[in-house]
Amino acid sequence: MLPLINHLVQVYFCWLHHSIPMFPETCFLQALKSGIPCYCSSSLVNGLLSASCFYCQTSASSARAPNVVDYRTLSDQFMKKAEVLLREELEGMGPVRLRDVETTQREVLEIARSLEAEGKIFLATGKGKEDMLV
């Protein structure tokens, strides 16, 4: 793994993963090293790297020096790549039945409400239940 990528992955697991644990760290790292996309699709990896860039800074004085990483630009590049890859993944799935989508949406909401009841997340609400923000 490239040193910069390795650094950004470490930043993610140090600063972000503890507050938003979306997947097991060990499974992700093993899959990343082996190239198996089970726990780390290309779009997920690019999104993770983009988010990690926000925890890295380039000082104003060093920003003009050669070989210095501009983390804001790098974050944008990773996010654009993640967007392209995610669109490709979704297009490759083909059509999905509406009832399957609605069932999955209900399951996600049930999990979110359960996590809120446990005090692990906060769900902001709008005017009515249909305006709920997750």
Protein backbone atom coordinates (compact mmCIF):
# COMPACT_ATOMS: atom_id res chain seq x y z
CA MET A 1 0.00 0.00 0.00
CA LEU A 2 1.28 3.47 -0.84
CA PRO A 3 2.51 5.45 2.19
CA LEU A 4 -0.06 8.24 1.69
CA ILE A 5 -2.95 5.76 1.37
CA ASN A 6 -1.70 3.86 4.41
CA HIS A 7 -1.50 7.13 6.37
CA LEU A 8 -5.06 8.13 5.40
CA VAL A 9 -6.43 4.70 6.34
CA GLN A 10 -4.69 5.01 9.73
CA VAL A 11 -6.16 8.50 10.17
CA TYR A 12 -9.64 7.13 9.44
CA PHE A 13 -9.39 4.37 12.02
CA CYS A 14 -7.80 6.69 14.58
CA TRP A 15 -10.20 9.64 14.29
CA LEU A 16 -13.38 8.65 12.46
CA HIS A 17 -14.06 4.95 12.91
CA HIS A 18 -14.48 5.17 16.68
CA SER A 19 -17.35 7.63 16.39
CA ILE A 20 -18.97 6.06 13.29
CA PRO A 21 -18.05 2.34 13.20
CA MET A 22 -19.66 1.19 9.95
CA PHE A 23 -17.69 -2.05 9.54
CA PRO A 24 -15.16 -4.19 11.43
CA GLU A 25 -11.69 -2.65 11.19
CA THR A 26 -9.87 -5.99 10.97
CA CYS A 27 -12.13 -7.26 8.19
CA PHE A 28 -11.70 -4.02 6.24
CA LEU A 29 -7.90 -4.03 6.56
CA GLN A 30 -7.60 -7.70 5.60
CA ALA A 31 -9.87 -7.18 2.59
CA LEU A 32 -7.94 -4.06 1.57
CA LYS A 33 -4.60 -5.86 1.70
CA SER A 34 -5.89 -8.93 -0.12
CA GLY A 35 -7.91 -7.00 -2.70
CA ILE A 36 -11.15 -8.79 -1.82
CA PRO A 37 -14.00 -6.26 -2.13
CA CYS A 38 -16.25 -7.89 0.49
CA TYR A 39 -15.56 -5.25 3.16
CA CYS A 40 -13.91 -2.61 1.02
CA SER A 41 -15.35 -1.77 -2.36
CA SER A 42 -13.43 0.76 -4.40
CA SER A 43 -16.12 3.38 -3.80
CA LEU A 44 -15.97 2.80 -0.02
CA VAL A 45 -12.17 3.07 0.03
CA ASN A 46 -12.24 6.33 -1.95
CA GLY A 47 -14.96 7.77 0.31
CA LEU A 48 -12.99 6.76 3.40
CA LEU A 49 -9.82 8.37 2.02
CA SER A 50 -11.74 11.55 1.17
CA ALA A 51 -13.10 11.82 4.71
CA SER A 52 -9.65 11.17 6.18
CA CYS A 53 -8.20 14.10 4.26
CA PHE A 54 -10.27 16.47 6.40
CA TYR A 55 -8.27 15.36 9.43
CA CYS A 56 -4.98 16.20 7.74
CA GLN A 57 -3.71 19.72 7.22
CA THR A 58 -1.31 21.41 4.88
CA SER A 59 0.20 24.49 6.48
CA ALA A 60 0.01 27.71 4.48
CA SER A 61 3.79 28.03 4.38
CA SER A 62 4.39 24.50 3.14
CA ALA A 63 1.50 24.51 0.65
CA ARG A 64 3.70 26.13 -1.99
CA ALA A 65 6.61 23.73 -1.48
CA PRO A 66 7.12 20.90 -3.98
CA ASN A 67 5.89 17.39 -3.06
CA VAL A 68 3.53 18.71 -0.37
CA VAL A 69 0.07 17.15 -0.31
CA ASP A 70 -2.90 19.49 -0.71
CA TYR A 71 -5.42 17.50 1.34
CA ARG A 72 -8.47 19.55 0.30
CA THR A 73 -7.81 18.93 -3.38
CA LEU A 74 -6.99 15.30 -2.68
CA SER A 75 -10.25 14.91 -0.74
CA ASP A 76 -12.20 16.29 -3.71
CA GLN A 77 -10.42 13.89 -6.06
CA PHE A 78 -11.14 10.87 -3.85
CA MET A 79 -14.80 11.90 -3.50
CA LYS A 80 -15.26 12.37 -7.26
CA LYS A 81 -13.74 8.93 -7.87
CA ALA A 82 -15.99 7.41 -5.17
CA GLU A 83 -19.02 8.96 -6.85
CA VAL A 84 -18.09 7.54 -10.26
CA LEU A 85 -17.39 4.09 -8.80
CA LEU A 86 -20.61 4.04 -6.78
CA ARG A 87 -22.65 4.99 -9.87
CA GLU A 88 -20.97 2.15 -11.77
CA GLU A 89 -21.74 -0.29 -8.94
CA LEU A 90 -25.39 0.78 -8.84
CA GLU A 91 -25.77 0.61 -12.62
CA GLY A 92 -24.27 -2.89 -12.56
CA MET A 93 -26.95 -4.03 -10.14
CA GLY A 94 -29.71 -3.62 -12.68
CA PRO A 95 -33.35 -2.98 -11.84
CA VAL A 96 -34.58 -3.67 -8.32
CA ARG A 97 -38.18 -4.32 -7.31
CA LEU A 98 -39.80 -1.40 -5.52
CA ARG A 99 -41.05 -3.64 -2.71
CA ASP A 100 -37.45 -4.83 -2.11
CA VAL A 101 -36.29 -1.21 -1.87
CA GLU A 102 -39.14 -0.34 0.51
CA THR A 103 -38.42 -3.42 2.66
CA THR A 104 -34.75 -2.49 2.90
CA GLN A 105 -35.63 1.11 3.75
CA ARG A 106 -37.90 -0.10 6.58
CA GLU A 107 -35.13 -2.34 7.90
CA VAL A 108 -32.66 0.55 7.88
CA LEU A 109 -35.14 2.77 9.73
CA GLU A 110 -35.78 0.05 12.32
CA ILE A 111 -32.05 -0.28 12.93
CA ALA A 112 -31.67 3.51 13.16
CA ARG A 113 -34.54 3.77 15.66
CA SER A 114 -33.06 0.94 17.70
CA LEU A 115 -29.68 2.68 17.77
CA GLU A 116 -31.39 5.91 18.83
CA ALA A 117 -33.21 4.08 21.65
CA GLU A 118 -29.84 2.74 22.83
CA GLY A 119 -28.43 6.28 22.79
CA LYS A 120 -25.84 5.46 20.12
CA ILE A 121 -27.15 7.92 17.51
CA PHE A 122 -29.47 10.92 17.40
CA LEU A 123 -32.18 11.25 14.78
CA ALA A 124 -33.19 14.84 14.06
CA THR A 125 -36.81 15.19 13.02
CA GLY A 126 -38.59 17.70 10.86
CA LYS A 127 -42.29 18.58 10.98
CA GLY A 128 -43.52 15.01 10.64
CA LYS A 129 -42.23 11.47 10.47
CA GLU A 130 -41.90 11.74 6.69
CA ASP A 131 -39.44 14.62 7.24
CA MET A 132 -37.22 12.59 9.58
CA LEU A 133 -33.51 13.10 9.04
CA VAL A 134 -31.21 10.15 9.62
